[in-house]
């Protein structure tokens, strides 16, 4: 094992975590032949099989599972050393590893970019994936902070609200409802809905709202991404309700935000980390930065209120989204969840 390199262990840990040579190569920005070659060298050094191929799945052998845990322990020791150095040197150097659910990709890169300008010596890493993979990574304590719309109940965590996350009803701008005011939930329930997959936090919040009012909505379509839902809305296939953040990069007037009873649904984005863990100086600095940037307005068709960095301008009873500058910061208190 003395001839094993840290790069080989990093590649192996990624394969062990993701169960795929292809996905590991994508995460590490390496070609798949390079990953395969390094795995072969590592296997030769160890002298026993570390993985086995079952169909398209890559499964760990018993020796592989032991080495995967040892690799994580080694990286954790190095991270603690890096944190110790960073504490002595301030924030001149260090590393920040973030993981976020897909909807957070609409704002997380911007926040990271602004933080990087303040601390150019910090090495940044952001992985965007589905909630199941985020929770699996959190259980293994693989990243510094996690950005989620709902703190997990199955893991003991510290969850700090960092940003408002209003859920608004969207239609195409030429939809008949776009010109109406004071729509009821009963009226919305009559429309064909386009929803995220079962288990989505946004979908749960929408279904809970209608259920609390004795109503049910039956999705016309279930789609696995916000981008697909937006395209379906513009194609006239139905209406939907999504985080206001998904509108951040769209042209003014491309979508209408309906004036409806019960909306926007008030939710938050959270920065989350496992309870009992001492987060690094860099992670603490980034969390403080997020709190300094936190805005408190919501998207409302009453006109002129901020919507996740977009202003809702009232036009014919609907709110048409136009970009504006971020709102002023508002303090927030961390909350323990678990």
C-alpha atoms as a PDB file:
ATOM      1  CA  UNK A   1       0.000   0.000   0.000  1.00  0.00           C
ATOM      2  CA  UNK A   2       2.998   2.346   0.338  1.00  0.00           C
ATOM      3  CA  UNK A   3       3.003   2.851  -3.427  1.00  0.00           C
ATOM      4  CA  UNK A   4      -0.657   3.879  -3.503  1.00  0.00           C
ATOM      5  CA  UNK A   5      -1.242   7.515  -4.506  1.00  0.00           C
ATOM      6  CA  UNK A   6      -3.823   9.895  -3.061  1.00  0.00           C
ATOM      7  CA  UNK A   7      -5.222  10.276  -6.585  1.00  0.00           C
ATOM      8  CA  UNK A   8      -5.873   6.543  -6.789  1.00  0.00           C
ATOM      9  CA  UNK A   9      -7.671   6.605  -3.448  1.00  0.00           C
ATOM     10  CA  UNK A  10      -9.692   9.635  -4.562  1.00  0.00           C
ATOM     11  CA  UNK A  11     -10.745   7.824  -7.742  1.00  0.00           C
ATOM     12  CA  UNK A  12     -11.618   4.671  -5.820  1.00  0.00           C
ATOM     13  CA  UNK A  13     -13.635   6.588  -3.212  1.00  0.00           C
ATOM     14  CA  UNK A  14     -15.645   8.300  -5.973  1.00  0.00           C
ATOM     15  CA  UNK A  15     -16.377   4.930  -7.634  1.00  0.00           C
ATOM     16  CA  UNK A  16     -17.367   3.441  -4.268  1.00  0.00           C
ATOM     17  CA  UNK A  17     -19.669   6.360  -3.494  1.00  0.00           C
ATOM     18  CA  UNK A  18     -21.312   6.654  -6.906  1.00  0.00           C
ATOM     19  CA  UNK A  19     -21.285   2.996  -7.951  1.00  0.00           C
ATOM     20  CA  UNK A  20     -20.132   3.889 -11.436  1.00  0.00           C
ATOM     21  CA  UNK A  21     -16.827   4.367 -13.279  1.00  0.00           C
ATOM     22  CA  UNK A  22     -18.520   6.782 -15.692  1.00  0.00           C
ATOM     23  CA  UNK A  23     -20.022   9.030 -13.015  1.00  0.00           C
ATOM     24  CA  UNK A  24     -16.765   9.004 -11.038  1.00  0.00           C
ATOM     25  CA  UNK A  25     -14.834  10.096 -14.131  1.00  0.00           C
ATOM     26  CA  UNK A  26     -17.348  12.907 -14.744  1.00  0.00           C
ATOM     27  CA  UNK A  27     -17.122  14.143 -11.153  1.00  0.00           C
ATOM     28  CA  UNK A  28     -13.312  14.111 -11.176  1.00  0.00           C
ATOM     29  CA  UNK A  29     -13.065  15.491 -14.736  1.00  0.00           C
ATOM     30  CA  UNK A  30     -11.040  12.504 -15.905  1.00  0.00           C
ATOM     31  CA  UNK A  31     -11.440  10.244 -18.910  1.00  0.00           C
ATOM     32  CA  UNK A  32     -12.941   6.835 -18.225  1.00  0.00           C
ATOM     33  CA  UNK A  33      -9.812   5.025 -19.517  1.00  0.00           C
ATOM     34  CA  UNK A  34      -7.728   6.986 -16.987  1.00  0.00           C
ATOM     35  CA  UNK A  35     -10.075   5.991 -14.171  1.00  0.00           C
ATOM     36  CA  UNK A  36     -10.001   2.348 -15.257  1.00  0.00           C
ATOM     37  CA  UNK A  37      -6.202   2.347 -15.504  1.00  0.00           C
ATOM     38  CA  UNK A  38      -5.758   3.876 -12.034  1.00  0.00           C
ATOM     39  CA  UNK A  39      -8.220   1.371 -10.562  1.00  0.00           C
ATOM     40  CA  UNK A  40      -6.268  -1.496 -12.125  1.00  0.00           C
ATOM     41  CA  UNK A  41      -3.026  -0.150 -10.637  1.00  0.00           C
ATOM     42  CA  UNK A  42      -4.666   0.221  -7.212  1.00  0.00           C
ATOM     43  CA  UNK A  43      -6.059  -3.328  -7.379  1.00  0.00           C
ATOM     44  CA  UNK A  44      -2.611  -4.667  -8.307  1.00  0.00           C
ATOM     45  CA  UNK A  45      -1.042  -2.808  -5.376  1.00  0.00           C
ATOM     46  CA  UNK A  46      -3.647  -4.046  -2.879  1.00  0.00           C
ATOM     47  CA  UNK A  47      -3.519  -7.557  -4.263  1.00  0.00           C
ATOM     48  CA  UNK A  48      -7.225  -8.368  -3.884  1.00  0.00           C
ATOM     49  CA  UNK A  49     -10.349  -7.460  -5.902  1.00  0.00           C
ATOM     50  CA  UNK A  50     -11.956  -4.219  -4.713  1.00  0.00           C
ATOM     51  CA  UNK A  51     -15.025  -4.085  -6.961  1.00  0.00           C
ATOM     52  CA  UNK A  52     -17.167  -6.462  -8.937  1.00  0.00           C
ATOM     53  CA  UNK A  53     -19.361  -5.753 -11.940  1.00  0.00           C
ATOM     54  CA  UNK A  54     -22.976  -6.950 -11.677  1.00  0.00           C
ATOM     55  CA  UNK A  55     -24.741  -5.939 -14.864  1.00  0.00           C
ATOM     56  CA  UNK A  56     -24.266  -2.175 -15.121  1.00  0.00           C
ATOM     57  CA  UNK A  57     -23.687  -1.777 -11.382  1.00  0.00           C
ATOM     58  CA  UNK A  58     -20.299  -1.588  -9.697  1.00  0.00           C
ATOM     59  CA  UNK A  59     -20.409  -3.207  -6.264  1.00  0.00           C
ATOM     60  CA  UNK A  60     -17.715  -3.224  -3.593  1.00  0.00           C
ATOM     61  CA  UNK A  61     -16.192  -6.420  -2.286  1.00  0.00           C
ATOM     62  CA  UNK A  62     -15.632  -6.750   1.448  1.00  0.00           C
ATOM     63  CA  UNK A  63     -12.033  -5.568   0.979  1.00  0.00           C
ATOM     64  CA  UNK A  64     -13.331  -2.735  -1.180  1.00  0.00           C
ATOM     65  CA  UNK A  65     -15.733  -1.539   1.513  1.00  0.00           C
ATOM     66  CA  UNK A  66     -12.924  -1.549   4.063  1.00  0.00           C
ATOM     67  CA  UNK A  67     -10.638   0.431   1.767  1.00  0.00           C
ATOM     68  CA  UNK A  68     -13.421   2.910   0.951  1.00  0.00           C
ATOM     69  CA  UNK A  69     -13.872   3.680   4.653  1.00  0.00           C
ATOM     70  CA  UNK A  70     -10.101   3.910   5.154  1.00  0.00           C
ATOM     71  CA  UNK A  71      -9.880   6.348   2.225  1.00  0.00           C
ATOM     72  CA  UNK A  72     -12.566   8.552   3.759  1.00  0.00           C
ATOM     73  CA  UNK A  73     -10.783   8.476   7.102  1.00  0.00           C
ATOM     74  CA  UNK A  74      -7.557   9.575   5.390  1.00  0.00           C
ATOM     75  CA  UNK A  75      -9.297  12.419   3.581  1.00  0.00           C
ATOM     76  CA  UNK A  76     -10.996  13.493   6.824  1.00  0.00           C
ATOM     77  CA  UNK A  77      -7.609  13.684   8.551  1.00  0.00           C
ATOM     78  CA  UNK A  78      -6.266  15.799   5.696  1.00  0.00           C
ATOM     79  CA  UNK A  79      -9.338  18.047   5.855  1.00  0.00           C
ATOM     80  CA  UNK A  80      -8.781  18.596   9.586  1.00  0.00           C
ATOM     81  CA  UNK A  81      -5.166  19.460   8.891  1.00  0.00           C
ATOM     82  CA  UNK A  82      -6.265  21.895   6.181  1.00  0.00           C
ATOM     83  CA  UNK A  83      -8.722  23.437   8.630  1.00  0.00           C
ATOM     84  CA  UNK A  84      -5.957  23.823  11.220  1.00  0.00           C
ATOM     85  CA  UNK A  85      -3.720  25.570   8.690  1.00  0.00           C
ATOM     86  CA  UNK A  86      -6.597  27.793   7.585  1.00  0.00           C
ATOM     87  CA  UNK A  87      -7.249  28.791  11.202  1.00  0.00           C
ATOM     88  CA  UNK A  88      -3.649  29.928  11.528  1.00  0.00           C
ATOM     89  CA  UNK A  89      -3.600  31.722   8.195  1.00  0.00           C
ATOM     90  CA  UNK A  90      -7.104  33.171   8.201  1.00  0.00           C
ATOM     91  CA  UNK A  91      -8.966  32.647   4.927  1.00  0.00           C
ATOM     92  CA  UNK A  92      -6.014  32.992   2.562  1.00  0.00           C
ATOM     93  CA  UNK A  93      -6.117  29.277   1.743  1.00  0.00           C
ATOM     94  CA  UNK A  94      -8.515  26.406   2.243  1.00  0.00           C
ATOM     95  CA  UNK A  95     -11.173  24.270   0.598  1.00  0.00           C
ATOM     96  CA  UNK A  96     -14.952  24.381   0.589  1.00  0.00           C
ATOM     97  CA  UNK A  97     -16.996  21.388  -0.575  1.00  0.00           C
ATOM     98  CA  UNK A  98     -20.702  21.996  -1.171  1.00  0.00           C
ATOM     99  CA  UNK A  99     -23.474  19.706  -2.321  1.00  0.00           C
ATOM    100  CA  UNK A 100     -26.919  20.905  -3.383  1.00  0.00           C
ATOM    101  CA  UNK A 101     -30.190  19.671  -4.826  1.00  0.00           C
ATOM    102  CA  UNK A 102     -30.854  20.551  -8.446  1.00  0.00           C
ATOM    103  CA  UNK A 103     -33.080  23.604  -7.881  1.00  0.00           C
ATOM    104  CA  UNK A 104     -30.271  25.265  -5.919  1.00  0.00           C
ATOM    105  CA  UNK A 105     -28.252  25.385  -9.156  1.00  0.00           C
ATOM    106  CA  UNK A 106     -30.234  28.524 -10.056  1.00  0.00           C
ATOM    107  CA  UNK A 107     -28.538  30.553  -7.313  1.00  0.00           C
ATOM    108  CA  UNK A 108     -25.677  28.581  -5.718  1.00  0.00           C
ATOM    109  CA  UNK A 109     -23.073  29.279  -8.464  1.00  0.00           C
ATOM    110  CA  UNK A 110     -23.719  33.018  -8.184  1.00  0.00           C
ATOM    111  CA  UNK A 111     -23.237  32.970  -4.409  1.00  0.00           C
ATOM    112  CA  UNK A 112     -20.072  30.897  -4.765  1.00  0.00           C
ATOM    113  CA  UNK A 113     -18.746  33.304  -7.379  1.00  0.00           C
ATOM    114  CA  UNK A 114     -19.295  36.297  -5.115  1.00  0.00           C
ATOM    115  CA  UNK A 115     -17.699  34.492  -2.161  1.00  0.00           C
ATOM    116  CA  UNK A 116     -14.730  33.543  -4.356  1.00  0.00           C
ATOM    117  CA  UNK A 117     -14.134  37.192  -5.225  1.00  0.00           C
ATOM    118  CA  UNK A 118     -13.890  37.972  -1.515  1.00  0.00           C
ATOM    119  CA  UNK A 119     -11.600  34.980  -0.848  1.00  0.00           C
ATOM    120  CA  UNK A 120      -9.777  34.107  -4.098  1.00  0.00           C
ATOM    121  CA  UNK A 121      -7.433  31.655  -2.362  1.00  0.00           C
ATOM    122  CA  UNK A 122     -10.251  29.296  -1.380  1.00  0.00           C
ATOM    123  CA  UNK A 123     -10.639  26.177  -3.523  1.00  0.00           C
ATOM    124  CA  UNK A 124     -14.349  25.644  -4.242  1.00  0.00           C
ATOM    125  CA  UNK A 125     -16.268  22.497  -5.144  1.00  0.00           C
ATOM    126  CA  UNK A 126     -20.005  22.268  -5.888  1.00  0.00           C
ATOM    127  CA  UNK A 127     -21.877  19.057  -6.700  1.00  0.00           C
ATOM    128  CA  UNK A 128     -25.508  19.332  -7.806  1.00  0.00           C
ATOM    129  CA  UNK A 129     -27.639  16.200  -7.719  1.00  0.00           C
ATOM    130  CA  UNK A 130     -30.959  14.782  -6.497  1.00  0.00           C
ATOM    131  CA  UNK A 131     -32.044  14.755  -2.870  1.00  0.00           C
ATOM    132  CA  UNK A 132     -31.406  11.032  -2.366  1.00  0.00           C
ATOM    133  CA  UNK A 133     -27.726  11.386  -3.274  1.00  0.00           C
ATOM    134  CA  UNK A 134     -27.403  14.507  -1.119  1.00  0.00           C
ATOM    135  CA  UNK A 135     -28.748  12.603   1.895  1.00  0.00           C
ATOM    136  CA  UNK A 136     -26.441   9.656   1.202  1.00  0.00           C
ATOM    137  CA  UNK A 137     -23.445  11.996   1.065  1.00  0.00           C
ATOM    138  CA  UNK A 138     -24.589  13.720   4.247  1.00  0.00           C
ATOM    139  CA  UNK A 139     -24.891  10.392   6.068  1.00  0.00           C
ATOM    140  CA  UNK A 140     -21.274   9.640   5.126  1.00  0.00           C
ATOM    141  CA  UNK A 141     -20.179  13.190   6.066  1.00  0.00           C
ATOM    142  CA  UNK A 142     -18.486  13.738   2.695  1.00  0.00           C
ATOM    143  CA  UNK A 143     -19.019  17.501   2.206  1.00  0.00           C
ATOM    144  CA  UNK A 144     -18.788  20.681   4.284  1.00  0.00           C
ATOM    145  CA  UNK A 145     -22.294  22.086   3.713  1.00  0.00           C
ATOM    146  CA  UNK A 146     -25.466  20.960   1.964  1.00  0.00           C
ATOM    147  CA  UNK A 147     -28.079  23.241   0.361  1.00  0.00           C
ATOM    148  CA  UNK A 148     -31.612  21.852   0.720  1.00  0.00           C
ATOM    149  CA  UNK A 149     -35.184  23.075   0.489  1.00  0.00           C
ATOM    150  CA  UNK A 150     -36.249  20.870   3.423  1.00  0.00           C
ATOM    151  CA  UNK A 151     -33.954  19.637   6.235  1.00  0.00           C
ATOM    152  CA  UNK A 152     -33.918  15.847   6.475  1.00  0.00           C
ATOM    153  CA  UNK A 153     -35.855  14.181   9.283  1.00  0.00           C
ATOM    154  CA  UNK A 154     -33.931  10.906   9.193  1.00  0.00           C
ATOM    155  CA  UNK A 155     -30.541  12.507   9.964  1.00  0.00           C
ATOM    156  CA  UNK A 156     -29.662  14.649  12.995  1.00  0.00           C
ATOM    157  CA  UNK A 157     -28.563  17.958  11.472  1.00  0.00           C
ATOM    158  CA  UNK A 158     -28.056  21.648  12.101  1.00  0.00           C
ATOM    159  CA  UNK A 159     -30.164  23.536   9.525  1.00  0.00           C
ATOM    160  CA  UNK A 160     -29.783  27.283   9.034  1.00  0.00           C
ATOM    161  CA  UNK A 161     -32.329  29.156   6.869  1.00  0.00           C
ATOM    162  CA  UNK A 162     -30.339  31.211   4.359  1.00  0.00           C
ATOM    163  CA  UNK A 163     -32.864  32.381   1.783  1.00  0.00           C
ATOM    164  CA  UNK A 164     -36.590  32.605   1.139  1.00  0.00           C
ATOM    165  CA  UNK A 165     -37.895  30.033  -1.344  1.00  0.00           C
ATOM    166  CA  UNK A 166     -41.459  30.988  -2.328  1.00  0.00           C
ATOM    167  CA  UNK A 167     -43.402  28.524  -4.470  1.00  0.00           C
ATOM    168  CA  UNK A 168     -45.468  30.322  -7.119  1.00  0.00           C
ATOM    169  CA  UNK A 169     -47.987  29.174  -9.731  1.00  0.00           C
ATOM    170  CA  UNK A 170     -46.685  29.546 -13.281  1.00  0.00           C
ATOM    171  CA  UNK A 171     -48.449  29.598 -16.619  1.00  0.00           C
ATOM    172  CA  UNK A 172     -47.612  30.650 -20.132  1.00  0.00           C
ATOM    173  CA  UNK A 173     -48.237  34.409 -20.490  1.00  0.00           C
ATOM    174  CA  UNK A 174     -51.132  33.797 -22.929  1.00  0.00           C
ATOM    175  CA  UNK A 175     -52.910  31.328 -20.613  1.00  0.00           C
ATOM    176  CA  UNK A 176     -56.558  32.310 -19.850  1.00  0.00           C
ATOM    177  CA  UNK A 177     -55.890  32.457 -16.103  1.00  0.00           C
ATOM    178  CA  UNK A 178     -53.000  34.920 -16.524  1.00  0.00           C
ATOM    179  CA  UNK A 179     -55.426  37.829 -16.756  1.00  0.00           C
ATOM    180  CA  UNK A 180     -57.439  37.004 -13.648  1.00  0.00           C
ATOM    181  CA  UNK A 181     -57.132  38.139 -10.040  1.00  0.00           C
ATOM    182  CA  UNK A 182     -57.954  36.379  -6.768  1.00  0.00           C
ATOM    183  CA  UNK A 183     -58.061  32.868  -8.202  1.00  0.00           C
ATOM    184  CA  UNK A 184     -59.262  30.206  -5.771  1.00  0.00           C
ATOM    185  CA  UNK A 185     -57.552  26.899  -5.137  1.00  0.00           C
ATOM    186  CA  UNK A 186     -60.717  25.163  -6.336  1.00  0.00           C
ATOM    187  CA  UNK A 187     -60.346  26.928  -9.685  1.00  0.00           C
ATOM    188  CA  UNK A 188     -56.673  25.936  -9.931  1.00  0.00           C
ATOM    189  CA  UNK A 189     -57.564  22.324  -9.134  1.00  0.00           C
ATOM    190  CA  UNK A 190     -59.650  22.221 -12.330  1.00  0.00           C
ATOM    191  CA  UNK A 191     -56.568  22.864 -14.473  1.00  0.00           C
ATOM    192  CA  UNK A 192     -54.228  20.181 -15.825  1.00  0.00           C
ATOM    193  CA  UNK A 193     -51.112  20.203 -13.637  1.00  0.00           C
ATOM    194  CA  UNK A 194     -47.510  19.447 -14.473  1.00  0.00           C
ATOM    195  CA  UNK A 195     -45.665  18.144 -11.410  1.00  0.00           C
ATOM    196  CA  UNK A 196     -42.303  16.932 -10.248  1.00  0.00           C
ATOM    197  CA  UNK A 197     -41.906  13.268  -9.388  1.00  0.00           C
ATOM    198  CA  UNK A 198     -43.493  11.795  -6.250  1.00  0.00           C
ATOM    199  CA  UNK A 199     -41.329  12.552  -3.217  1.00  0.00           C
ATOM    200  CA  UNK A 200     -40.233  15.977  -4.443  1.00  0.00           C
ATOM    201  CA  UNK A 201     -40.293  18.566  -1.641  1.00  0.00           C
ATOM    202  CA  UNK A 202     -42.023  21.111  -3.874  1.00  0.00           C
ATOM    203  CA  UNK A 203     -44.702  18.611  -4.878  1.00  0.00           C
ATOM    204  CA  UNK A 204     -45.323  17.638  -1.248  1.00  0.00           C
ATOM    205  CA  UNK A 205     -45.831  21.302  -0.310  1.00  0.00           C
ATOM    206  CA  UNK A 206     -48.305  21.839  -3.174  1.00  0.00           C
ATOM    207  CA  UNK A 207     -50.295  18.678  -2.449  1.00  0.00           C
ATOM    208  CA  UNK A 208     -50.390  19.524   1.266  1.00  0.00           C
ATOM    209  CA  UNK A 209     -51.865  22.966   0.523  1.00  0.00           C
ATOM    210  CA  UNK A 210     -54.655  21.549  -1.644  1.00  0.00           C
ATOM    211  CA  UNK A 211     -55.309  18.663   0.759  1.00  0.00           C
ATOM    212  CA  UNK A 212     -55.687  21.107   3.671  1.00  0.00           C
ATOM    213  CA  UNK A 213     -58.467  22.776   1.671  1.00  0.00           C
ATOM    214  CA  UNK A 214     -60.187  19.467   0.882  1.00  0.00           C
ATOM    215  CA  UNK A 215     -58.978  19.428  -2.717  1.00  0.00           C
ATOM    216  CA  UNK A 216     -56.966  17.029  -4.830  1.00  0.00           C
ATOM    217  CA  UNK A 217     -55.013  17.710  -7.984  1.00  0.00           C
ATOM    218  CA  UNK A 218     -54.261  15.045 -10.545  1.00  0.00           C
ATOM    219  CA  UNK A 219     -51.076  15.639 -12.508  1.00  0.00           C
ATOM    220  CA  UNK A 220     -51.401  15.516 -16.264  1.00  0.00           C
ATOM    221  CA  UNK A 221     -47.641  15.068 -16.513  1.00  0.00           C
ATOM    222  CA  UNK A 222     -44.900  14.053 -14.084  1.00  0.00           C
ATOM    223  CA  UNK A 223     -41.476  15.312 -15.110  1.00  0.00           C
ATOM    224  CA  UNK A 224     -38.099  14.855 -13.469  1.00  0.00           C
ATOM    225  CA  UNK A 225     -36.673  18.353 -13.846  1.00  0.00           C
ATOM    226  CA  UNK A 226     -37.741  21.973 -13.477  1.00  0.00           C
ATOM    227  CA  UNK A 227     -36.465  22.768 -16.968  1.00  0.00           C
ATOM    228  CA  UNK A 228     -38.716  20.115 -18.494  1.00  0.00           C
ATOM    229  CA  UNK A 229     -41.680  21.478 -16.535  1.00  0.00           C
ATOM    230  CA  UNK A 230     -41.021  25.011 -17.759  1.00  0.00           C
ATOM    231  CA  UNK A 231     -40.908  23.835 -21.368  1.00  0.00           C
ATOM    232  CA  UNK A 232     -44.179  21.942 -20.872  1.00  0.00           C
ATOM    233  CA  UNK A 233     -45.801  25.089 -19.441  1.00  0.00           C
ATOM    234  CA  UNK A 234     -44.733  27.157 -22.447  1.00  0.00           C
ATOM    235  CA  UNK A 235     -46.026  24.397 -24.743  1.00  0.00           C
ATOM    236  CA  UNK A 236     -49.499  24.860 -23.225  1.00  0.00           C
ATOM    237  CA  UNK A 237     -49.646  21.433 -21.561  1.00  0.00           C
ATOM    238  CA  UNK A 238     -50.771  22.772 -18.197  1.00  0.00           C
ATOM    239  CA  UNK A 239     -49.856  24.869 -15.168  1.00  0.00           C
ATOM    240  CA  UNK A 240     -47.393  24.199 -12.386  1.00  0.00           C
ATOM    241  CA  UNK A 241     -45.980  25.609  -9.174  1.00  0.00           C
ATOM    242  CA  UNK A 242     -42.234  25.931  -8.767  1.00  0.00           C
ATOM    243  CA  UNK A 243     -39.655  27.759  -6.734  1.00  0.00           C
ATOM    244  CA  UNK A 244     -39.470  31.378  -7.809  1.00  0.00           C
ATOM    245  CA  UNK A 245     -35.708  30.851  -8.239  1.00  0.00           C
ATOM    246  CA  UNK A 246     -36.278  28.862 -11.443  1.00  0.00           C
ATOM    247  CA  UNK A 247     -37.209  32.146 -13.163  1.00  0.00           C
ATOM    248  CA  UNK A 248     -33.895  33.820 -12.466  1.00  0.00           C
ATOM    249  CA  UNK A 249     -32.433  33.570 -15.985  1.00  0.00           C
ATOM    250  CA  UNK A 250     -35.588  34.058 -18.051  1.00  0.00           C
ATOM    251  CA  UNK A 251     -36.579  37.046 -20.143  1.00  0.00           C
ATOM    252  CA  UNK A 252     -39.235  39.445 -18.761  1.00  0.00           C
ATOM    253  CA  UNK A 253     -42.759  38.269 -19.523  1.00  0.00           C
ATOM    254  CA  UNK A 254     -41.787  34.741 -20.524  1.00  0.00           C
ATOM    255  CA  UNK A 255     -43.892  33.287 -17.686  1.00  0.00           C
ATOM    256  CA  UNK A 256     -46.896  34.602 -15.769  1.00  0.00           C
ATOM    257  CA  UNK A 257     -47.092  34.232 -11.975  1.00  0.00           C
ATOM    258  CA  UNK A 258     -50.745  33.768 -11.048  1.00  0.00           C
ATOM    259  CA  UNK A 259     -52.553  35.787  -8.383  1.00  0.00           C
ATOM    260  CA  UNK A 260     -54.040  32.925  -6.379  1.00  0.00           C
ATOM    261  CA  UNK A 261     -55.315  31.969  -2.958  1.00  0.00           C
ATOM    262  CA  UNK A 262     -52.679  30.143  -0.904  1.00  0.00           C
ATOM    263  CA  UNK A 263     -49.736  31.219  -3.033  1.00  0.00           C
ATOM    264  CA  UNK A 264     -46.903  31.881  -2.776  1.00  0.00           C
ATOM    265  CA  UNK A 265     -46.204  28.958  -0.443  1.00  0.00           C
ATOM    266  CA  UNK A 266     -43.578  30.271   1.935  1.00  0.00           C
ATOM    267  CA  UNK A 267     -40.548  27.986   2.192  1.00  0.00           C
ATOM    268  CA  UNK A 268     -36.835  28.470   2.787  1.00  0.00           C
ATOM    269  CA  UNK A 269     -33.477  27.292   1.562  1.00  0.00           C
ATOM    270  CA  UNK A 270     -31.270  25.807   4.263  1.00  0.00           C
ATOM    271  CA  UNK A 271     -27.552  25.326   4.715  1.00  0.00           C
ATOM    272  CA  UNK A 272     -27.262  21.983   6.478  1.00  0.00           C
ATOM    273  CA  UNK A 273     -24.508  19.948   8.117  1.00  0.00           C
ATOM    274  CA  UNK A 274     -24.534  16.906  10.435  1.00  0.00           C
ATOM    275  CA  UNK A 275     -25.113  17.705  14.091  1.00  0.00           C
ATOM    276  CA  UNK A 276     -22.068  17.246  16.295  1.00  0.00           C
ATOM    277  CA  UNK A 277     -19.665  18.062  13.489  1.00  0.00           C
ATOM    278  CA  UNK A 278     -17.241  20.966  13.851  1.00  0.00           C
ATOM    279  CA  UNK A 279     -17.396  22.711  10.488  1.00  0.00           C
ATOM    280  CA  UNK A 280     -14.250  24.225   9.037  1.00  0.00           C
ATOM    281  CA  UNK A 281     -13.268  27.880   9.249  1.00  0.00           C
ATOM    282  CA  UNK A 282     -13.947  28.208   5.524  1.00  0.00           C
ATOM    283  CA  UNK A 283     -17.405  26.609   5.801  1.00  0.00           C
ATOM    284  CA  UNK A 284     -18.245  28.883   8.738  1.00  0.00           C
ATOM    285  CA  UNK A 285     -17.129  31.927   6.735  1.00  0.00           C
ATOM    286  CA  UNK A 286     -19.312  30.876   3.800  1.00  0.00           C
ATOM    287  CA  UNK A 287     -22.297  30.271   6.085  1.00  0.00           C
ATOM    288  CA  UNK A 288     -21.834  33.740   7.600  1.00  0.00           C
ATOM    289  CA  UNK A 289     -21.636  35.165   4.091  1.00  0.00           C
ATOM    290  CA  UNK A 290     -24.935  33.470   3.158  1.00  0.00           C
ATOM    291  CA  UNK A 291     -26.630  34.945   6.216  1.00  0.00           C
ATOM    292  CA  UNK A 292     -25.337  38.408   5.310  1.00  0.00           C
ATOM    293  CA  UNK A 293     -26.842  38.014   1.831  1.00  0.00           C
ATOM    294  CA  UNK A 294     -30.169  36.625   2.995  1.00  0.00           C
ATOM    295  CA  UNK A 295     -33.221  38.405   1.582  1.00  0.00           C
ATOM    296  CA  UNK A 296     -36.697  38.386   3.030  1.00  0.00           C
ATOM    297  CA  UNK A 297     -39.097  39.394   0.262  1.00  0.00           C
ATOM    298  CA  UNK A 298     -41.470  37.096  -1.524  1.00  0.00           C
ATOM    299  CA  UNK A 299     -42.951  37.065  -4.984  1.00  0.00           C
ATOM    300  CA  UNK A 300     -46.414  38.557  -4.973  1.00  0.00           C
ATOM    301  CA  UNK A 301     -48.689  39.733  -7.769  1.00  0.00           C
ATOM    302  CA  UNK A 302     -49.597  42.733  -5.661  1.00  0.00           C
ATOM    303  CA  UNK A 303     -46.852  44.442  -7.615  1.00  0.00           C
ATOM    304  CA  UNK A 304     -43.311  45.585  -6.955  1.00  0.00           C
ATOM    305  CA  UNK A 305     -42.255  42.967  -4.418  1.00  0.00           C
ATOM    306  CA  UNK A 306     -39.045  41.057  -4.830  1.00  0.00           C
ATOM    307  CA  UNK A 307     -39.149  37.470  -6.040  1.00  0.00           C
ATOM    308  CA  UNK A 308     -35.823  35.746  -5.469  1.00  0.00           C
ATOM    309  CA  UNK A 309     -34.013  38.468  -7.366  1.00  0.00           C
ATOM    310  CA  UNK A 310     -36.911  39.100  -9.755  1.00  0.00           C
ATOM    311  CA  UNK A 311     -39.573  41.772  -9.484  1.00  0.00           C
ATOM    312  CA  UNK A 312     -43.217  40.886  -9.960  1.00  0.00           C
ATOM    313  CA  UNK A 313     -44.808  43.571 -12.074  1.00  0.00           C
ATOM    314  CA  UNK A 314     -48.578  43.521 -12.139  1.00  0.00           C
ATOM    315  CA  UNK A 315     -49.920  43.310 -15.670  1.00  0.00           C
ATOM    316  CA  UNK A 316     -53.484  42.275 -16.383  1.00  0.00           C
ATOM    317  CA  UNK A 317     -53.848  40.562 -13.015  1.00  0.00           C
ATOM    318  CA  UNK A 318     -50.718  38.437 -13.416  1.00  0.00           C
ATOM    319  CA  UNK A 319     -47.166  38.980 -12.286  1.00  0.00           C
ATOM    320  CA  UNK A 320     -44.602  39.079 -15.066  1.00  0.00           C
ATOM    321  CA  UNK A 321     -41.066  38.442 -13.917  1.00  0.00           C
ATOM    322  CA  UNK A 322     -38.380  41.085 -14.429  1.00  0.00           C
ATOM    323  CA  UNK A 323     -34.834  40.880 -12.948  1.00  0.00           C
ATOM    324  CA  UNK A 324     -33.854  43.366 -10.249  1.00  0.00           C
ATOM    325  CA  UNK A 325     -30.938  43.702  -7.851  1.00  0.00           C
ATOM    326  CA  UNK A 326     -30.863  41.571  -4.658  1.00  0.00           C
ATOM    327  CA  UNK A 327     -32.755  42.798  -1.603  1.00  0.00           C
ATOM    328  CA  UNK A 328     -31.126  43.944   1.619  1.00  0.00           C
ATOM    329  CA  UNK A 329     -29.866  41.324   4.089  1.00  0.00           C
ATOM    330  CA  UNK A 330     -31.944  40.063   6.974  1.00  0.00           C
ATOM    331  CA  UNK A 331     -30.592  38.213  10.019  1.00  0.00           C
ATOM    332  CA  UNK A 332     -31.478  34.568  10.624  1.00  0.00           C
ATOM    333  CA  UNK A 333     -31.030  32.116  13.447  1.00  0.00           C
ATOM    334  CA  UNK A 334     -29.784  28.556  12.972  1.00  0.00           C
ATOM    335  CA  UNK A 335     -32.189  25.776  13.931  1.00  0.00           C
ATOM    336  CA  UNK A 336     -31.333  22.273  15.043  1.00  0.00           C
ATOM    337  CA  UNK A 337     -33.276  19.609  13.166  1.00  0.00           C
ATOM    338  CA  UNK A 338     -33.378  15.995  14.207  1.00  0.00           C
END
